[in-house]
Amino acid sequence: MAPKVIVIDNPLNEMSIAYELAPPGFETVLARPGSAEFLAAAKDAEYIVGMGEPLDDAFFRAAPKMRLVQLLSAGYDRCDIEAARRAGVPICNNGGANSTAVSEHAILLMLAVSRRLVWQHRSVTAGAWRGNNVADVQLFELRGRTLGIVGLGAIGKKVARLAQAFGMAVQYFDTDRLTEAAEDALNVRFRLLGEILRGSDIVSLHVPLIPSTRHMIGAAELAAMKPTAYLINTCRGPVVDEAALIEALSAGTIAGAGLDVFDQEPPPANNRLFTLDNVVLTAHLAGPTWDNQYSRFRNAFDNCQRVARGDRPLWVIPELRTGK
């Protein structure tokens, strides 16, 4: 019998590419969680490919042959890690398949807030051209600014390289420090989180959402930042205390923010961020691009094939690695 892989149907995924790249010799089943097709396929499926759906103990009991939960996303905060641990099934992220997209999006938000892109667009479309008050227009360049990266994984490293192309100096904080030689090669320097906040013109967040990072940026951390600084968040909304951020933006504690993620997604219509003119907001679309549809599915199916031939899977999340 051919090994079976369930690909979870999701509007962010182009399923024709999944079928195009599906490994030969595997039976590929497209299904939505909870559907009759999904429950039937789970009985003898060995692999599941999805966006981090919360697969619980009941799922693993219904899927006794499951050998791998493979994510198409980098984040895994929706996963039931303990249920996977009890079932002895590894969870693997997408191996940096969307790291180019997210790093480019972080730079996009940096440029958009520092050059007041949304305000410029609205001024032009409203017939105000330059706002009719040039003295109040303050636009800033990235060159010569200091970027503080919080979380120097695959995405953080690419942000560092892109930022340096704009002439920025880069410092970082991460619990997994680089060696001095690696810092030299990437041209970055480690700083404590407090130093990052106090000394950066732009702070960009690239950490997973785990208990230790939830609300790691709150009122005290925002107050430590320069009043001219910008906060960029393309990782997960709850890494930032959203209420504290709204207050900091409203009071001028920081100059602005570029956000791709929110506490609640989609955000409610009465979210106070919508009323502020010093934010640029996008709809958690930093990661999925047409280009990385291929790289995400390619990495996913490669990992399934690795496990099928008896090799260790790549990109196992830290909590489920050996010794964790």
C-alpha atoms as a PDB file:
ATOM      1  CA  MET A   1       0.000   0.000   0.000  1.00  0.00           C
ATOM      2  CA  ALA A   2       1.343   3.442  -0.931  1.00  0.00           C
ATOM      3  CA  PRO A   3       2.159   5.736   2.006  1.00  0.00           C
ATOM      4  CA  LYS A   4      -0.576   8.311   2.464  1.00  0.00           C
ATOM      5  CA  VAL A   5      -0.051  12.024   3.015  1.00  0.00           C
ATOM      6  CA  ILE A   6      -2.910  14.345   3.957  1.00  0.00           C
ATOM      7  CA  VAL A   7      -2.535  17.883   2.623  1.00  0.00           C
ATOM      8  CA  ILE A   8      -4.832  20.178   4.583  1.00  0.00           C
ATOM      9  CA  ASP A   9      -6.940  22.347   2.319  1.00  0.00           C
ATOM     10  CA  ASN A  10      -6.301  26.026   3.064  1.00  0.00           C
ATOM     11  CA  PRO A  11      -7.033  29.144   0.974  1.00  0.00           C
ATOM     12  CA  LEU A  12      -3.433  30.344   1.472  1.00  0.00           C
ATOM     13  CA  ASN A  13      -2.145  27.327  -0.437  1.00  0.00           C
ATOM     14  CA  GLU A  14      -2.302  26.792  -4.195  1.00  0.00           C
ATOM     15  CA  MET A  15      -3.338  23.167  -4.278  1.00  0.00           C
ATOM     16  CA  SER A  16      -2.469  22.650  -7.935  1.00  0.00           C
ATOM     17  CA  ILE A  17       1.173  23.116  -6.912  1.00  0.00           C
ATOM     18  CA  ALA A  18       0.724  20.525  -4.170  1.00  0.00           C
ATOM     19  CA  TYR A  19      -0.440  18.007  -6.735  1.00  0.00           C
ATOM     20  CA  GLU A  20       2.330  19.006  -9.148  1.00  0.00           C
ATOM     21  CA  LEU A  21       5.048  18.412  -6.530  1.00  0.00           C
ATOM     22  CA  ALA A  22       3.429  15.468  -4.719  1.00  0.00           C
ATOM     23  CA  PRO A  23       6.011  12.692  -4.375  1.00  0.00           C
ATOM     24  CA  PRO A  24       5.613   9.700  -6.684  1.00  0.00           C
ATOM     25  CA  GLY A  25       4.579   6.548  -4.936  1.00  0.00           C
ATOM     26  CA  PHE A  26       2.577   8.455  -2.292  1.00  0.00           C
ATOM     27  CA  GLU A  27      -1.176   8.740  -2.118  1.00  0.00           C
ATOM     28  CA  THR A  28      -2.009  12.427  -1.656  1.00  0.00           C
ATOM     29  CA  VAL A  29      -5.342  13.309  -0.077  1.00  0.00           C
ATOM     30  CA  LEU A  30      -6.621  16.884   0.048  1.00  0.00           C
ATOM     31  CA  ALA A  31      -9.028  17.446   2.946  1.00  0.00           C
ATOM     32  CA  ARG A  32     -10.248  19.977   5.481  1.00  0.00           C
ATOM     33  CA  PRO A  33      -9.878  19.087   9.191  1.00  0.00           C
ATOM     34  CA  GLY A  34     -13.010  17.503  10.608  1.00  0.00           C
ATOM     35  CA  SER A  35     -14.426  16.568   7.216  1.00  0.00           C
ATOM     36  CA  ALA A  36     -15.447  13.006   6.387  1.00  0.00           C
ATOM     37  CA  GLU A  37     -12.557  12.783   3.917  1.00  0.00           C
ATOM     38  CA  PHE A  38     -10.081  13.938   6.560  1.00  0.00           C
ATOM     39  CA  LEU A  39     -11.293  11.470   9.188  1.00  0.00           C
ATOM     40  CA  ALA A  40     -11.280   8.593   6.716  1.00  0.00           C
ATOM     41  CA  ALA A  41      -7.773   9.402   5.479  1.00  0.00           C
ATOM     42  CA  ALA A  42      -6.384   9.817   9.009  1.00  0.00           C
ATOM     43  CA  LYS A  43      -6.947   6.140   9.810  1.00  0.00           C
ATOM     44  CA  ASP A  44      -3.958   5.029   7.763  1.00  0.00           C
ATOM     45  CA  ALA A  45      -2.150   8.295   6.898  1.00  0.00           C
ATOM     46  CA  GLU A  46       1.532   8.525   7.827  1.00  0.00           C
ATOM     47  CA  TYR A  47       2.124  12.180   7.012  1.00  0.00           C
ATOM     48  CA  ILE A  48       0.142  15.391   7.305  1.00  0.00           C
ATOM     49  CA  VAL A  49       1.048  18.684   5.629  1.00  0.00           C
ATOM     50  CA  GLY A  50      -0.651  21.869   6.809  1.00  0.00           C
ATOM     51  CA  MET A  51      -0.477  25.329   8.321  1.00  0.00           C
ATOM     52  CA  GLY A  52      -0.205  24.419  12.007  1.00  0.00           C
ATOM     53  CA  GLU A  53      -3.704  23.213  12.736  1.00  0.00           C
ATOM     54  CA  PRO A  54      -4.190  22.233  16.426  1.00  0.00           C
ATOM     55  CA  LEU A  55      -4.024  18.430  16.131  1.00  0.00           C
ATOM     56  CA  ASP A  56      -4.899  17.046  19.563  1.00  0.00           C
ATOM     57  CA  ASP A  57      -4.735  13.683  21.350  1.00  0.00           C
ATOM     58  CA  ALA A  58      -7.975  12.612  19.697  1.00  0.00           C
ATOM     59  CA  PHE A  59      -6.448  13.192  16.269  1.00  0.00           C
ATOM     60  CA  PHE A  60      -3.368  11.118  17.026  1.00  0.00           C
ATOM     61  CA  ARG A  61      -5.537   8.316  18.404  1.00  0.00           C
ATOM     62  CA  ALA A  62      -7.491   8.410  15.147  1.00  0.00           C
ATOM     63  CA  ALA A  63      -4.233   8.430  13.137  1.00  0.00           C
ATOM     64  CA  PRO A  64      -2.175   5.612  14.719  1.00  0.00           C
ATOM     65  CA  LYS A  65       0.224   5.361  11.767  1.00  0.00           C
ATOM     66  CA  MET A  66       1.139   9.080  11.777  1.00  0.00           C
ATOM     67  CA  ARG A  67       4.912   9.600  11.464  1.00  0.00           C
ATOM     68  CA  LEU A  68       5.254  13.334  10.703  1.00  0.00           C
ATOM     69  CA  VAL A  69       3.366  16.600  11.108  1.00  0.00           C
ATOM     70  CA  GLN A  70       4.884  18.839   8.448  1.00  0.00           C
ATOM     71  CA  LEU A  71       4.117  22.560   8.464  1.00  0.00           C
ATOM     72  CA  LEU A  72       3.979  24.849   5.468  1.00  0.00           C
ATOM     73  CA  SER A  73       4.493  27.772   7.858  1.00  0.00           C
ATOM     74  CA  ALA A  74       7.422  28.866   9.990  1.00  0.00           C
ATOM     75  CA  GLY A  75       5.282  29.514  13.072  1.00  0.00           C
ATOM     76  CA  TYR A  76       3.943  26.625  15.108  1.00  0.00           C
ATOM     77  CA  ASP A  77       2.099  28.348  17.958  1.00  0.00           C
ATOM     78  CA  ARG A  78      -1.231  26.769  17.010  1.00  0.00           C
ATOM     79  CA  CYS A  79       0.180  23.248  17.243  1.00  0.00           C
ATOM     80  CA  ASP A  80      -0.596  20.983  20.203  1.00  0.00           C
ATOM     81  CA  ILE A  81       3.033  20.212  20.973  1.00  0.00           C
ATOM     82  CA  GLU A  82       2.325  18.048  23.998  1.00  0.00           C
ATOM     83  CA  ALA A  83      -0.155  15.894  22.094  1.00  0.00           C
ATOM     84  CA  ALA A  84       2.480  15.325  19.404  1.00  0.00           C
ATOM     85  CA  ARG A  85       5.061  14.524  22.068  1.00  0.00           C
ATOM     86  CA  ARG A  86       2.766  11.943  23.669  1.00  0.00           C
ATOM     87  CA  ALA A  87       2.165  10.382  20.269  1.00  0.00           C
ATOM     88  CA  GLY A  88       5.889  10.390  19.485  1.00  0.00           C
ATOM     89  CA  VAL A  89       5.321  12.331  16.268  1.00  0.00           C
ATOM     90  CA  PRO A  90       7.716  15.128  15.270  1.00  0.00           C
ATOM     91  CA  ILE A  91       6.432  18.526  14.163  1.00  0.00           C
ATOM     92  CA  CYS A  92       8.603  20.257  11.559  1.00  0.00           C
ATOM     93  CA  ASN A  93       8.373  23.798  10.250  1.00  0.00           C
ATOM     94  CA  ASN A  94       8.875  24.838   6.644  1.00  0.00           C
ATOM     95  CA  GLY A  95      12.665  25.068   6.704  1.00  0.00           C
ATOM     96  CA  GLY A  96      12.824  28.767   5.944  1.00  0.00           C
ATOM     97  CA  ALA A  97      10.727  28.443   2.788  1.00  0.00           C
ATOM     98  CA  ASN A  98       9.085  31.824   3.449  1.00  0.00           C
ATOM     99  CA  SER A  99      12.117  33.558   4.951  1.00  0.00           C
ATOM    100  CA  THR A 100      12.786  35.660   1.852  1.00  0.00           C
ATOM    101  CA  ALA A 101       9.168  36.821   1.737  1.00  0.00           C
ATOM    102  CA  VAL A 102       9.002  37.750   5.422  1.00  0.00           C
ATOM    103  CA  SER A 103      12.373  39.503   5.414  1.00  0.00           C
ATOM    104  CA  GLU A 104      11.386  41.553   2.369  1.00  0.00           C
ATOM    105  CA  HIS A 105       8.079  42.401   4.025  1.00  0.00           C
ATOM    106  CA  ALA A 106       9.867  43.586   7.166  1.00  0.00           C
ATOM    107  CA  ILE A 107      11.956  45.955   5.042  1.00  0.00           C
ATOM    108  CA  LEU A 108       8.778  47.014   3.219  1.00  0.00           C
ATOM    109  CA  LEU A 109       7.188  48.014   6.531  1.00  0.00           C
ATOM    110  CA  MET A 110      10.337  49.847   7.631  1.00  0.00           C
ATOM    111  CA  LEU A 111      10.274  51.906   4.455  1.00  0.00           C
ATOM    112  CA  ALA A 112       6.515  52.441   4.613  1.00  0.00           C
ATOM    113  CA  VAL A 113       6.519  53.857   8.143  1.00  0.00           C
ATOM    114  CA  SER A 114       9.684  55.922   7.800  1.00  0.00           C
ATOM    115  CA  ARG A 115       8.550  57.437   4.481  1.00  0.00           C
ATOM    116  CA  ARG A 116       4.881  57.714   5.580  1.00  0.00           C
ATOM    117  CA  LEU A 117       3.748  55.795   2.522  1.00  0.00           C
ATOM    118  CA  VAL A 118       0.064  55.485   3.473  1.00  0.00           C
ATOM    119  CA  TRP A 119      -0.160  59.211   4.286  1.00  0.00           C
ATOM    120  CA  GLN A 120       1.484  60.053   0.965  1.00  0.00           C
ATOM    121  CA  HIS A 121      -0.944  57.855  -0.950  1.00  0.00           C
ATOM    122  CA  ARG A 122      -3.961  59.354   0.801  1.00  0.00           C
ATOM    123  CA  SER A 123      -2.708  62.898   0.222  1.00  0.00           C
ATOM    124  CA  VAL A 124      -2.319  62.320  -3.504  1.00  0.00           C
ATOM    125  CA  THR A 125      -5.689  60.609  -3.934  1.00  0.00           C
ATOM    126  CA  ALA A 126      -7.377  63.367  -1.883  1.00  0.00           C
ATOM    127  CA  GLY A 127      -5.943  66.060  -4.153  1.00  0.00           C
ATOM    128  CA  ALA A 128      -3.705  67.482  -1.419  1.00  0.00           C
ATOM    129  CA  TRP A 129      -0.557  66.530  -3.328  1.00  0.00           C
ATOM    130  CA  ARG A 130       2.052  67.057  -0.568  1.00  0.00           C
ATOM    131  CA  GLY A 131      -0.457  67.742   2.163  1.00  0.00           C
ATOM    132  CA  ASN A 132      -0.265  71.482   1.467  1.00  0.00           C
ATOM    133  CA  ASN A 133       2.030  71.920   4.473  1.00  0.00           C
ATOM    134  CA  VAL A 134       5.582  70.992   3.590  1.00  0.00           C
ATOM    135  CA  ALA A 135       6.920  72.138   6.970  1.00  0.00           C
ATOM    136  CA  ASP A 136       5.062  69.313   8.709  1.00  0.00           C
ATOM    137  CA  VAL A 137       6.292  66.601   6.353  1.00  0.00           C
ATOM    138  CA  GLN A 138       9.113  64.620   7.952  1.00  0.00           C
ATOM    139  CA  LEU A 139      10.327  61.616   5.990  1.00  0.00           C
ATOM    140  CA  PHE A 140      13.328  59.541   7.018  1.00  0.00           C
ATOM    141  CA  GLU A 141      15.907  57.373   5.292  1.00  0.00           C
ATOM    142  CA  LEU A 142      17.073  53.948   6.446  1.00  0.00           C
ATOM    143  CA  ARG A 143      20.701  54.672   5.639  1.00  0.00           C
ATOM    144  CA  GLY A 144      22.715  55.438   8.761  1.00  0.00           C
ATOM    145  CA  ARG A 145      20.020  54.135  11.104  1.00  0.00           C
ATOM    146  CA  THR A 146      20.536  51.323  13.619  1.00  0.00           C
ATOM    147  CA  LEU A 147      18.334  48.255  13.263  1.00  0.00           C
ATOM    148  CA  GLY A 148      17.750  46.019  16.255  1.00  0.00           C
ATOM    149  CA  ILE A 149      16.651  42.500  15.351  1.00  0.00           C
ATOM    150  CA  VAL A 150      14.999  40.431  18.066  1.00  0.00           C
ATOM    151  CA  GLY A 151      15.318  36.811  16.973  1.00  0.00           C
ATOM    152  CA  LEU A 152      18.136  35.993  14.549  1.00  0.00           C
ATOM    153  CA  GLY A 153      16.863  32.831  12.882  1.00  0.00           C
ATOM    154  CA  ALA A 154      16.592  32.269   9.145  1.00  0.00           C
ATOM    155  CA  ILE A 155      14.329  35.293   8.707  1.00  0.00           C
ATOM    156  CA  GLY A 156      16.281  37.551  11.062  1.00  0.00           C
ATOM    157  CA  LYS A 157      19.532  36.814   9.222  1.00  0.00           C
ATOM    158  CA  LYS A 158      17.984  37.739   5.878  1.00  0.00           C
ATOM    159  CA  VAL A 159      16.586  40.942   7.353  1.00  0.00           C
ATOM    160  CA  ALA A 160      20.102  41.769   8.547  1.00  0.00           C
ATOM    161  CA  ARG A 161      21.556  41.311   5.070  1.00  0.00           C
ATOM    162  CA  LEU A 162      18.832  43.370   3.403  1.00  0.00           C
ATOM    163  CA  ALA A 163      19.146  46.136   5.990  1.00  0.00           C
ATOM    164  CA  GLN A 164      22.881  46.367   5.407  1.00  0.00           C
ATOM    165  CA  ALA A 165      22.219  46.813   1.697  1.00  0.00           C
ATOM    166  CA  PHE A 166      20.326  49.972   2.728  1.00  0.00           C
ATOM    167  CA  GLY A 167      23.304  51.158   4.775  1.00  0.00           C
ATOM    168  CA  MET A 168      21.933  50.282   8.213  1.00  0.00           C
ATOM    169  CA  ALA A 169      23.985  49.113  11.189  1.00  0.00           C
ATOM    170  CA  VAL A 170      22.565  45.900  12.641  1.00  0.00           C
ATOM    171  CA  GLN A 171      22.539  44.605  16.195  1.00  0.00           C
ATOM    172  CA  TYR A 172      20.596  41.611  17.462  1.00  0.00           C
ATOM    173  CA  PHE A 173      19.274  39.809  20.494  1.00  0.00           C
ATOM    174  CA  ASP A 174      18.670  36.065  20.514  1.00  0.00           C
ATOM    175  CA  THR A 175      18.857  33.407  23.216  1.00  0.00           C
ATOM    176  CA  ASP A 176      20.882  31.352  20.729  1.00  0.00           C
ATOM    177  CA  ARG A 177      23.913  33.567  20.210  1.00  0.00           C
ATOM    178  CA  LEU A 178      26.149  33.428  17.185  1.00  0.00           C
ATOM    179  CA  THR A 179      29.840  32.792  17.557  1.00  0.00           C
ATOM    180  CA  GLU A 180      32.071  35.808  17.149  1.00  0.00           C
ATOM    181  CA  ALA A 181      33.179  34.464  13.776  1.00  0.00           C
ATOM    182  CA  ALA A 182      29.558  34.114  12.640  1.00  0.00           C
ATOM    183  CA  GLU A 183      28.803  37.648  13.847  1.00  0.00           C
ATOM    184  CA  ASP A 184      31.768  38.920  11.858  1.00  0.00           C
ATOM    185  CA  ALA A 185      30.591  37.063   8.759  1.00  0.00           C
ATOM    186  CA  LEU A 186      27.072  38.523   9.033  1.00  0.00           C
ATOM    187  CA  ASN A 187      28.365  41.911  10.252  1.00  0.00           C
ATOM    188  CA  VAL A 188      26.056  41.989  13.274  1.00  0.00           C
ATOM    189  CA  ARG A 189      26.674  42.422  16.989  1.00  0.00           C
ATOM    190  CA  PHE A 190      24.912  40.862  19.954  1.00  0.00           C
ATOM    191  CA  ARG A 191      23.261  43.165  22.461  1.00  0.00           C
ATOM    192  CA  LEU A 192      21.022  42.516  25.437  1.00  0.00           C
ATOM    193  CA  LEU A 193      17.324  43.128  24.819  1.00  0.00           C
ATOM    194  CA  GLY A 194      17.396  46.330  26.863  1.00  0.00           C
ATOM    195  CA  GLU A 195      20.290  47.618  24.777  1.00  0.00           C
ATOM    196  CA  ILE A 196      18.416  46.764  21.576  1.00  0.00           C
ATOM    197  CA  LEU A 197      15.390  48.725  22.724  1.00  0.00           C
ATOM    198  CA  ARG A 198      17.337  51.770  23.933  1.00  0.00           C
ATOM    199  CA  GLY A 199      19.804  51.942  21.079  1.00  0.00           C
ATOM    200  CA  SER A 200      17.850  51.076  17.928  1.00  0.00           C
ATOM    201  CA  ASP A 201      16.094  53.392  15.519  1.00  0.00           C
ATOM    202  CA  ILE A 202      14.006  50.460  14.293  1.00  0.00           C
ATOM    203  CA  VAL A 203      13.244  47.276  16.249  1.00  0.00           C
ATOM    204  CA  SER A 204      12.137  44.296  14.153  1.00  0.00           C
ATOM    205  CA  LEU A 205      10.668  41.186  15.811  1.00  0.00           C
ATOM    206  CA  HIS A 206      11.377  37.676  14.499  1.00  0.00           C
ATOM    207  CA  VAL A 207      10.735  35.251  17.352  1.00  0.00           C
ATOM    208  CA  PRO A 208       8.355  32.293  17.642  1.00  0.00           C
ATOM    209  CA  LEU A 209       5.323  32.693  19.868  1.00  0.00           C
ATOM    210  CA  ILE A 210       6.109  30.571  22.927  1.00  0.00           C
ATOM    211  CA  PRO A 211       5.366  31.255  26.612  1.00  0.00           C
ATOM    212  CA  SER A 212       8.604  33.190  27.109  1.00  0.00           C
ATOM    213  CA  THR A 213       7.948  35.510  24.151  1.00  0.00           C
ATOM    214  CA  ARG A 214       4.271  36.276  24.764  1.00  0.00           C
ATOM    215  CA  HIS A 215       4.040  40.046  25.461  1.00  0.00           C
ATOM    216  CA  MET A 216       7.837  40.269  25.566  1.00  0.00           C
ATOM    217  CA  ILE A 217       7.316  43.792  24.240  1.00  0.00           C
ATOM    218  CA  GLY A 218       5.041  45.582  26.710  1.00  0.00           C
ATOM    219  CA  ALA A 219       4.648  49.035  28.202  1.00  0.00           C
ATOM    220  CA  ALA A 220       8.056  49.035  29.902  1.00  0.00           C
ATOM    221  CA  GLU A 221       9.867  47.864  26.783  1.00  0.00           C
ATOM    222  CA  LEU A 222       8.106  50.432  24.591  1.00  0.00           C
ATOM    223  CA  ALA A 223       8.955  53.167  27.073  1.00  0.00           C
ATOM    224  CA  ALA A 224      12.613  52.168  26.799  1.00  0.00           C
ATOM    225  CA  MET A 225      12.648  52.804  23.046  1.00  0.00           C
ATOM    226  CA  LYS A 226      13.575  56.127  21.479  1.00  0.00           C
ATOM    227  CA  PRO A 227      10.639  58.455  20.835  1.00  0.00           C
ATOM    228  CA  THR A 228      11.835  58.546  17.212  1.00  0.00           C
ATOM    229  CA  ALA A 229      11.950  54.752  16.890  1.00  0.00           C
ATOM    230  CA  TYR A 230       9.697  52.401  14.934  1.00  0.00           C
ATOM    231  CA  LEU A 231       8.542  48.898  15.867  1.00  0.00           C
ATOM    232  CA  ILE A 232       8.123  46.250  13.145  1.00  0.00           C
ATOM    233  CA  ASN A 233       6.301  42.996  13.842  1.00  0.00           C
ATOM    234  CA  THR A 234       6.050  40.258  11.210  1.00  0.00           C
ATOM    235  CA  CYS A 235       6.192  37.256  13.567  1.00  0.00           C
ATOM    236  CA  ARG A 236       3.131  36.831  15.813  1.00  0.00           C
ATOM    237  CA  GLY A 237       0.775  39.449  17.263  1.00  0.00           C
ATOM    238  CA  PRO A 238       0.839  38.360  20.928  1.00  0.00           C
ATOM    239  CA  VAL A 239       4.619  38.852  21.066  1.00  0.00           C
ATOM    240  CA  VAL A 240       3.593  42.488  21.596  1.00  0.00           C
ATOM    241  CA  ASP A 241       1.124  43.703  24.207  1.00  0.00           C
ATOM    242  CA  GLU A 242      -1.227  45.310  21.699  1.00  0.00           C
ATOM    243  CA  ALA A 243      -2.998  47.532  24.231  1.00  0.00           C
ATOM    244  CA  ALA A 244       0.349  48.870  25.436  1.00  0.00           C
ATOM    245  CA  LEU A 245       1.448  49.442  21.848  1.00  0.00           C
ATOM    246  CA  ILE A 246      -1.705  51.418  21.062  1.00  0.00           C
ATOM    247  CA  GLU A 247      -1.079  53.630  24.081  1.00  0.00           C
ATOM    248  CA  ALA A 248       2.575  54.130  23.118  1.00  0.00           C
ATOM    249  CA  LEU A 249       1.638  55.057  19.550  1.00  0.00           C
ATOM    250  CA  SER A 250      -1.119  57.399  20.719  1.00  0.00           C
ATOM    251  CA  ALA A 251       1.096  59.139  23.275  1.00  0.00           C
ATOM    252  CA  GLY A 252       4.120  59.492  20.994  1.00  0.00           C
ATOM    253  CA  THR A 253       6.221  57.174  23.154  1.00  0.00           C
ATOM    254  CA  ILE A 254       7.478  55.740  19.864  1.00  0.00           C
ATOM    255  CA  ALA A 255       7.192  57.273  16.415  1.00  0.00           C
ATOM    256  CA  GLY A 256       5.297  54.508  14.682  1.00  0.00           C
ATOM    257  CA  ALA A 257       4.876  50.836  13.885  1.00  0.00           C
ATOM    258  CA  GLY A 258       4.567  48.491  10.940  1.00  0.00           C
ATOM    259  CA  LEU A 259       2.445  45.449  11.785  1.00  0.00           C
ATOM    260  CA  ASP A 260       1.590  42.340   9.804  1.00  0.00           C
ATOM    261  CA  VAL A 261       0.173  40.483  12.818  1.00  0.00           C
ATOM    262  CA  PHE A 262      -2.349  41.178  15.569  1.00  0.00           C
ATOM    263  CA  ASP A 263      -3.568  39.856  18.907  1.00  0.00           C
ATOM    264  CA  GLN A 264      -6.776  38.730  17.245  1.00  0.00           C
ATOM    265  CA  GLU A 265      -6.850  37.754  13.580  1.00  0.00           C
ATOM    266  CA  PRO A 266      -8.646  39.077  11.727  1.00  0.00           C
ATOM    267  CA  PRO A 267      -8.717  42.132  14.012  1.00  0.00           C
ATOM    268  CA  PRO A 268     -12.151  43.428  15.006  1.00  0.00           C
ATOM    269  CA  ALA A 269     -13.542  46.462  13.216  1.00  0.00           C
ATOM    270  CA  ASN A 270     -13.180  48.587  16.358  1.00  0.00           C
ATOM    271  CA  ASN A 271      -9.466  47.891  16.807  1.00  0.00           C
ATOM    272  CA  ARG A 272      -7.923  51.199  17.870  1.00  0.00           C
ATOM    273  CA  LEU A 273      -4.918  50.631  15.627  1.00  0.00           C
ATOM    274  CA  PHE A 274      -7.217  51.474  12.699  1.00  0.00           C
ATOM    275  CA  THR A 275      -7.622  55.024  13.999  1.00  0.00           C
ATOM    276  CA  LEU A 276      -3.903  55.842  14.185  1.00  0.00           C
ATOM    277  CA  ASP A 277      -1.993  57.595  11.428  1.00  0.00           C
ATOM    278  CA  ASN A 278       1.467  56.439  12.542  1.00  0.00           C
ATOM    279  CA  VAL A 279       0.970  52.762  11.727  1.00  0.00           C
ATOM    280  CA  VAL A 280       1.090  50.702   8.545  1.00  0.00           C
ATOM    281  CA  LEU A 281      -0.964  47.513   8.737  1.00  0.00           C
ATOM    282  CA  THR A 282      -0.976  44.411   6.537  1.00  0.00           C
ATOM    283  CA  ALA A 283      -3.092  41.276   6.801  1.00  0.00           C
ATOM    284  CA  HIS A 284      -0.634  38.594   7.984  1.00  0.00           C
ATOM    285  CA  LEU A 285       0.559  38.256   4.404  1.00  0.00           C
ATOM    286  CA  ALA A 286       4.298  38.635   4.939  1.00  0.00           C
ATOM    287  CA  GLY A 287       4.865  34.915   4.464  1.00  0.00           C
ATOM    288  CA  PRO A 288       2.709  33.551   1.644  1.00  0.00           C
ATOM    289  CA  THR A 289       3.834  34.627  -1.819  1.00  0.00           C
ATOM    290  CA  TRP A 290       3.331  32.943  -5.158  1.00  0.00           C
ATOM    291  CA  ASP A 291       7.067  32.280  -5.340  1.00  0.00           C
ATOM    292  CA  ASN A 292       7.227  30.329  -2.091  1.00  0.00           C
ATOM    293  CA  GLN A 293       4.202  28.159  -2.843  1.00  0.00           C
ATOM    294  CA  TYR A 294       6.763  25.971  -4.554  1.00  0.00           C
ATOM    295  CA  SER A 295       9.452  26.153  -1.883  1.00  0.00           C
ATOM    296  CA  ARG A 296       6.993  25.429   0.941  1.00  0.00           C
ATOM    297  CA  PHE A 297       5.524  22.342  -0.735  1.00  0.00           C
ATOM    298  CA  ARG A 298       8.955  21.244  -1.983  1.00  0.00           C
ATOM    299  CA  ASN A 299      10.387  21.304   1.545  1.00  0.00           C
ATOM    300  CA  ALA A 300       7.297  19.613   2.957  1.00  0.00           C
ATOM    301  CA  PHE A 301       7.305  16.715   0.542  1.00  0.00           C
ATOM    302  CA  ASP A 302      11.073  16.306   0.766  1.00  0.00           C
ATOM    303  CA  ASN A 303      10.721  15.856   4.522  1.00  0.00           C
ATOM    304  CA  CYS A 304       7.954  13.288   4.056  1.00  0.00           C
ATOM    305  CA  GLN A 305      10.198  11.338   1.696  1.00  0.00           C
ATOM    306  CA  ARG A 306      13.104  11.556   4.130  1.00  0.00           C
ATOM    307  CA  VAL A 307      11.034   9.957   6.875  1.00  0.00           C
ATOM    308  CA  ALA A 308       9.661   7.354   4.458  1.00  0.00           C
ATOM    309  CA  ARG A 309      13.171   6.147   3.618  1.00  0.00           C
ATOM    310  CA  GLY A 310      14.207   6.018   7.273  1.00  0.00           C
ATOM    311  CA  ASP A 311      16.115   9.296   7.569  1.00  0.00           C
ATOM    312  CA  ARG A 312      15.641  11.832  10.346  1.00  0.00           C
ATOM    313  CA  PRO A 313      13.333  14.700   9.417  1.00  0.00           C
ATOM    314  CA  LEU A 314      14.709  18.189   9.017  1.00  0.00           C
ATOM    315  CA  TRP A 315      13.490  21.317  10.831  1.00  0.00           C
ATOM    316  CA  VAL A 316      11.985  19.640  13.904  1.00  0.00           C
ATOM    317  CA  ILE A 317      10.694  22.391  16.212  1.00  0.00           C
ATOM    318  CA  PRO A 318      13.006  23.020  19.207  1.00  0.00           C
ATOM    319  CA  GLU A 319      10.547  21.685  21.800  1.00  0.00           C
ATOM    320  CA  LEU A 320      10.512  18.234  20.157  1.00  0.00           C
ATOM    321  CA  ARG A 321      14.181  17.816  19.340  1.00  0.00           C
ATOM    322  CA  THR A 322      16.115  15.052  21.047  1.00  0.00           C
ATOM    323  CA  GLY A 323      16.672  15.888  24.706  1.00  0.00           C
ATOM    324  CA  LYS A 324      13.908  18.527  24.828  1.00  0.00           C
END
